[in-house]
Amino acid sequence: MTPRRIDVSQLPAEAVALIDALGPDEHLVITRDDVPIAAVAALSAPEEASEDDGEVTVVATAMKLSSEARAALSAGLGPGYIVLDLHSAPDTADVLLVPPASPQLVESLREMYPKARVVVTEIEDRELGISYRGPVRRLLDAGAETYLTPTTIPRLARQLDHTITHRPQITGTRLRIDSGEG
């Protein structure tokens, strides 16, 4: 009996990401109404991309996002990225996208993903039904023009001077967050 086949390009991006993340001896269980109906196993371990070859950057999201939202983010980032839910991502993920949270939660996530760059984001996408607003967004919505995050007074001086002297002309938005670390 010949096994049935489906080309991976016909699957949703989230399903492909879950399959690609399978390690040796791991299975992806497919359910309907929480009842297992099938399982997918990797035929061989996927090749690990080295840090130097830059082939795939794994982004783990520590916020509840629909598969549509993760697929949109992945598509927006481009072919060098794969976006996975926190619970599906390997502990070797490169980036951990976190909503505004307590320092304790961020530290806990840092322990779970020790190699990941932790990026805190506030996002509101009404089209995709996402709202992770935090204190910075609330301050900007209240009328603040810029949010600076310098670590020293000299950096504050540079950021403040740049903000004042390079103030954008009327752009339709006030949102500007500058760490000035780069």
Protein backbone atom coordinates (compact mmCIF):
# COMPACT_ATOMS: atom_id res chain seq x y z
CA MET A 1 0.00 0.00 0.00
CA THR A 2 1.41 3.37 -1.07
CA PRO A 3 1.31 5.99 1.70
CA ARG A 4 -0.85 9.03 1.09
CA ARG A 5 1.10 12.26 0.56
CA ILE A 6 0.46 15.95 0.92
CA ASP A 7 2.87 18.64 -0.18
CA VAL A 8 3.94 20.82 2.74
CA SER A 9 3.11 23.94 0.71
CA GLN A 10 -0.58 23.00 1.02
CA LEU A 11 -0.47 23.13 4.82
CA PRO A 12 -1.00 26.21 6.98
CA ALA A 13 2.23 27.93 8.06
CA GLU A 14 1.58 27.03 11.72
CA ALA A 15 1.35 23.31 10.87
CA VAL A 16 4.54 23.48 8.81
CA ALA A 17 6.32 25.21 11.70
CA LEU A 18 5.21 22.52 14.13
CA ILE A 19 6.36 19.76 11.79
CA ASP A 20 9.69 21.50 11.14
CA ALA A 21 10.26 21.79 14.89
CA LEU A 22 9.91 18.03 15.46
CA GLY A 23 13.01 16.40 16.83
CA PRO A 24 14.04 12.77 16.65
CA ASP A 25 11.49 10.47 18.29
CA GLU A 26 8.96 13.32 18.60
CA HIS A 27 5.42 13.21 17.27
CA LEU A 28 2.89 15.89 16.45
CA VAL A 29 -0.54 14.69 17.56
CA ILE A 30 -3.45 16.01 15.53
CA THR A 31 -6.72 16.31 17.41
CA ARG A 32 -10.36 17.08 16.74
CA ASP A 33 -12.28 18.38 19.75
CA ASP A 34 -9.30 17.35 21.92
CA VAL A 35 -9.49 13.75 20.64
CA PRO A 36 -6.33 12.46 18.89
CA ILE A 37 -7.05 11.46 15.29
CA ALA A 38 -3.56 11.24 13.77
CA ALA A 39 0.14 11.71 14.44
CA VAL A 40 3.02 13.00 12.39
CA ALA A 41 6.59 11.88 13.04
CA ALA A 42 9.79 13.30 11.61
CA LEU A 43 11.53 10.91 9.23
CA SER A 44 14.86 12.43 10.13
CA ALA A 45 15.98 15.20 12.41
CA PRO A 46 15.84 18.59 10.71
CA GLU A 47 19.22 20.15 10.08
CA GLU A 48 20.10 22.68 12.72
CA ALA A 49 21.01 26.06 11.29
CA SER A 50 24.21 27.38 12.78
CA GLU A 51 24.31 30.87 14.19
CA ASP A 52 26.65 31.89 11.41
CA ASP A 53 24.70 30.66 8.39
CA GLY A 54 21.66 32.82 9.16
CA GLU A 55 19.25 30.43 7.45
CA VAL A 56 16.34 30.41 9.90
CA THR A 57 15.66 32.56 12.94
CA VAL A 58 13.16 30.96 15.31
CA VAL A 59 10.82 33.47 16.97
CA ALA A 60 8.81 32.14 19.90
CA THR A 61 5.74 34.15 20.90
CA ALA A 62 4.89 34.26 24.60
CA MET A 63 1.51 35.79 23.86
CA LYS A 64 -1.65 34.17 22.63
CA LEU A 65 -1.68 34.68 18.87
CA SER A 66 -3.86 32.92 16.34
CA SER A 67 -2.20 30.83 13.67
CA GLU A 68 -3.24 33.57 11.24
CA ALA A 69 -1.42 36.20 13.31
CA ARG A 70 1.73 34.06 13.61
CA ALA A 71 1.64 33.36 9.88
CA ALA A 72 1.24 37.09 9.15
CA LEU A 73 4.17 37.92 11.42
CA SER A 74 6.28 35.20 9.83
CA ALA A 75 5.41 36.43 6.35
CA GLY A 76 6.19 40.01 7.37
CA LEU A 77 9.58 38.97 8.69
CA GLY A 78 10.41 37.05 5.53
CA PRO A 79 11.75 33.64 4.58
CA GLY A 80 14.62 33.71 7.09
CA TYR A 81 12.18 33.49 10.03
CA ILE A 82 9.80 31.00 11.53
CA VAL A 83 7.29 32.12 14.17
CA LEU A 84 6.09 29.54 16.69
CA ASP A 85 3.91 29.57 19.76
CA LEU A 86 5.90 29.42 22.99
CA HIS A 87 4.64 25.89 23.68
CA SER A 88 5.71 24.62 20.25
CA ALA A 89 9.09 26.31 20.06
CA PRO A 90 12.33 24.55 20.89
CA ASP A 91 14.31 25.83 23.87
CA THR A 92 16.95 26.90 21.34
CA ALA A 93 14.69 29.63 19.92
CA ASP A 94 16.57 32.73 18.80
CA VAL A 95 14.01 35.36 19.79
CA LEU A 96 11.33 35.38 22.45
CA LEU A 97 8.55 37.90 21.81
CA VAL A 98 6.93 38.85 25.13
CA PRO A 99 4.04 41.19 25.98
CA PRO A 100 4.51 43.69 28.84
CA ALA A 101 4.89 41.46 31.89
CA SER A 102 6.41 41.30 35.32
CA PRO A 103 10.20 41.08 35.64
CA GLN A 104 9.70 37.71 37.34
CA LEU A 105 7.86 36.31 34.33
CA VAL A 106 10.50 37.64 31.95
CA GLU A 107 13.23 36.05 34.11
CA SER A 108 11.33 32.75 34.11
CA LEU A 109 10.98 32.84 30.32
CA ARG A 110 14.67 33.73 30.04
CA GLU A 111 15.48 30.54 31.95
CA MET A 112 13.29 28.49 29.59
CA TYR A 113 14.94 30.04 26.51
CA PRO A 114 18.50 30.86 27.61
CA LYS A 115 19.84 31.66 24.13
CA ALA A 116 16.91 33.78 22.99
CA ARG A 117 16.94 37.54 22.68
CA VAL A 118 13.95 38.67 24.72
CA VAL A 119 11.92 41.38 22.96
CA VAL A 120 9.06 43.03 24.84
CA THR A 121 6.34 44.37 22.57
CA GLU A 122 3.04 46.12 22.93
CA ILE A 123 0.79 45.37 20.01
CA GLU A 124 -2.75 46.13 19.02
CA ASP A 125 -4.02 44.74 15.75
CA ARG A 126 -7.78 45.07 15.59
CA GLU A 127 -7.96 43.21 12.28
CA LEU A 128 -6.42 40.12 13.87
CA GLY A 129 -8.13 40.62 17.24
CA ILE A 130 -4.90 41.17 19.19
CA SER A 131 -4.46 43.59 22.07
CA TYR A 132 -1.38 43.56 24.27
CA ARG A 133 -1.32 47.14 25.47
CA GLY A 134 1.03 48.15 28.22
CA PRO A 135 2.20 51.21 30.09
CA VAL A 136 4.19 52.71 27.23
CA ARG A 137 1.27 52.56 24.80
CA ARG A 138 -1.00 54.10 27.43
CA LEU A 139 1.47 56.98 27.97
CA LEU A 140 1.77 57.60 24.23
CA ASP A 141 -2.00 57.46 23.80
CA ALA A 142 -2.30 60.02 26.61
CA GLY A 143 -0.20 62.51 24.67
CA ALA A 144 3.48 61.73 25.19
CA GLU A 145 5.44 62.14 21.95
CA THR A 146 8.41 59.92 22.61
CA TYR A 147 9.55 57.28 25.06
CA LEU A 148 13.33 57.21 25.58
CA THR A 149 15.13 54.36 27.33
CA PRO A 150 18.69 55.54 27.88
CA THR A 151 20.92 53.80 30.39
CA THR A 152 23.11 56.81 31.21
CA ILE A 153 22.88 60.60 31.31
CA PRO A 154 25.21 60.98 28.26
CA ARG A 155 22.94 58.67 26.25
CA LEU A 156 19.88 60.59 27.45
CA ALA A 157 21.52 63.81 26.27
CA ARG A 158 22.21 62.31 22.80
CA GLN A 159 18.71 60.85 22.50
CA LEU A 160 17.01 64.00 23.72
CA ASP A 161 19.04 66.21 21.37
CA HIS A 162 18.28 63.90 18.45
CA THR A 163 14.59 63.80 19.36
CA ILE A 164 14.35 67.59 19.62
CA THR A 165 16.45 68.50 16.58
CA HIS A 166 15.12 65.76 14.31
CA ARG A 167 11.48 66.03 15.34
CA PRO A 168 9.51 64.65 12.44
CA GLN A 169 7.17 66.91 10.57
CA ILE A 170 3.48 66.11 10.89
CA THR A 171 3.33 62.36 10.32
CA GLY A 172 -0.05 61.37 11.68
CA THR A 173 1.43 59.42 14.59
CA ARG A 174 3.27 60.26 17.78
CA LEU A 175 4.66 56.80 18.44
CA ARG A 176 8.40 56.79 18.75
CA ILE A 177 10.40 54.67 21.16
CA ASP A 178 14.16 55.03 21.11
CA SER A 179 16.62 52.98 23.12
CA GLY A 180 19.60 54.76 21.57
CA GLU A 181 21.70 51.71 22.23
CA GLY A 182 22.58 51.13 18.58
